[in-house]
């Protein structure tokens, strides 16, 4: 069955892909540079670079439950807003 209005789902998909792209390609290098500037060793710096992937692996078993409760579009919007809020806190972390 084709939805009468495809825009909510399409915009949620575009928003989630954009969020992942910005997070992995934009925030990760900035985090690495800040950690190096703060004197963090290369092993910890590398570990911090791996945390987004480890977080995705550890959270993935819970995604079906979240999607069942919120619906796919709302879950994508909620997770994107959470990622955006956390990204806004980035300059305040030391």
Protein backbone atom coordinates (compact mmCIF):
# COMPACT_ATOMS: atom_id res chain seq x y z
CA UNK A 1 0.00 0.00 0.00
CA UNK A 2 1.36 3.42 -0.95
CA UNK A 3 1.07 6.15 1.64
CA UNK A 4 -0.95 9.17 0.59
CA UNK A 5 1.74 11.55 1.85
CA UNK A 6 5.30 10.22 1.45
CA UNK A 7 6.98 13.41 2.74
CA UNK A 8 7.16 12.59 6.49
CA UNK A 9 8.94 9.30 5.85
CA UNK A 10 11.15 10.73 3.13
CA UNK A 11 12.15 13.73 5.21
CA UNK A 12 12.87 11.48 8.22
CA UNK A 13 15.13 9.29 6.09
CA UNK A 14 17.00 12.29 4.66
CA UNK A 15 17.32 13.81 8.13
CA UNK A 16 18.74 10.62 9.63
CA UNK A 17 21.27 10.13 6.82
CA UNK A 18 22.35 13.77 7.12
CA UNK A 19 22.74 13.46 10.88
CA UNK A 20 24.89 10.35 10.62
CA UNK A 21 27.00 11.94 7.89
CA UNK A 22 27.60 15.15 9.82
CA UNK A 23 28.30 13.28 13.05
CA UNK A 24 30.80 10.83 11.60
CA UNK A 25 32.51 13.12 9.12
CA UNK A 26 32.35 16.45 10.92
CA UNK A 27 32.23 15.95 14.66
CA UNK A 28 34.65 13.00 14.93
CA UNK A 29 37.66 14.92 13.51
CA UNK A 30 36.88 17.91 15.74
CA UNK A 31 36.73 15.63 18.77
CA UNK A 32 40.07 14.11 17.82
CA UNK A 33 41.68 17.54 17.46
CA UNK A 34 40.27 18.73 20.79
CA UNK A 35 41.46 15.61 22.58
CA UNK A 36 44.93 16.04 21.11
CA UNK A 37 44.94 19.70 22.14
CA UNK A 38 43.95 18.72 25.72
CA UNK A 39 46.89 16.30 25.90
CA UNK A 40 44.94 13.04 25.69
CA UNK A 41 47.10 10.15 24.56
CA UNK A 42 46.70 8.47 21.18
CA UNK A 43 45.20 5.28 22.63
CA UNK A 44 42.37 7.16 24.36
CA UNK A 45 41.94 9.36 21.32
CA UNK A 46 41.50 6.27 19.15
CA UNK A 47 39.07 4.77 21.64
CA UNK A 48 36.98 7.95 21.58
CA UNK A 49 36.92 7.72 17.78
CA UNK A 50 35.55 4.18 18.01
CA UNK A 51 32.81 5.00 20.52
CA UNK A 52 30.16 6.05 17.93
CA UNK A 53 30.45 2.66 16.25
CA UNK A 54 30.36 0.84 19.57
CA UNK A 55 27.32 2.89 20.59
CA UNK A 56 25.49 1.94 17.39
CA UNK A 57 26.25 -1.74 17.98
CA UNK A 58 25.15 -1.64 21.62
CA UNK A 59 21.93 0.33 20.98
CA UNK A 60 20.80 -1.58 17.88
CA UNK A 61 19.03 -4.40 19.82
CA UNK A 62 16.71 -1.79 21.39
CA UNK A 63 15.74 -0.04 18.17
CA UNK A 64 12.80 -2.36 17.32
CA UNK A 65 11.24 -1.65 20.73
CA UNK A 66 11.64 2.10 20.29
CA UNK A 67 10.22 1.99 16.77
CA UNK A 68 7.23 -0.08 17.93
CA UNK A 69 6.46 2.45 20.67
CA UNK A 70 7.06 5.67 18.73
CA UNK A 71 6.68 4.65 15.11
CA UNK A 72 9.51 4.83 12.59
CA UNK A 73 9.18 8.49 11.65
CA UNK A 74 8.85 9.72 15.25
CA UNK A 75 11.78 7.52 16.34
CA UNK A 76 13.97 9.00 13.60
CA UNK A 77 12.94 12.54 14.50
CA UNK A 78 13.50 11.92 18.23
CA UNK A 79 16.94 10.38 17.72
CA UNK A 80 17.95 13.16 15.35
CA UNK A 81 16.89 15.84 17.84
CA UNK A 82 18.82 14.02 20.58
CA UNK A 83 21.94 13.89 18.39
CA UNK A 84 21.51 17.57 17.54
CA UNK A 85 21.16 18.54 21.22
CA UNK A 86 24.26 16.55 22.15
CA UNK A 87 26.18 18.15 19.28
CA UNK A 88 25.24 21.60 20.58
CA UNK A 89 26.87 20.70 23.90
CA UNK A 90 30.17 19.87 22.17
CA UNK A 91 31.78 23.35 22.64
CA UNK A 92 31.07 23.24 26.39
CA UNK A 93 32.87 19.95 27.06
CA UNK A 94 36.36 20.06 28.53
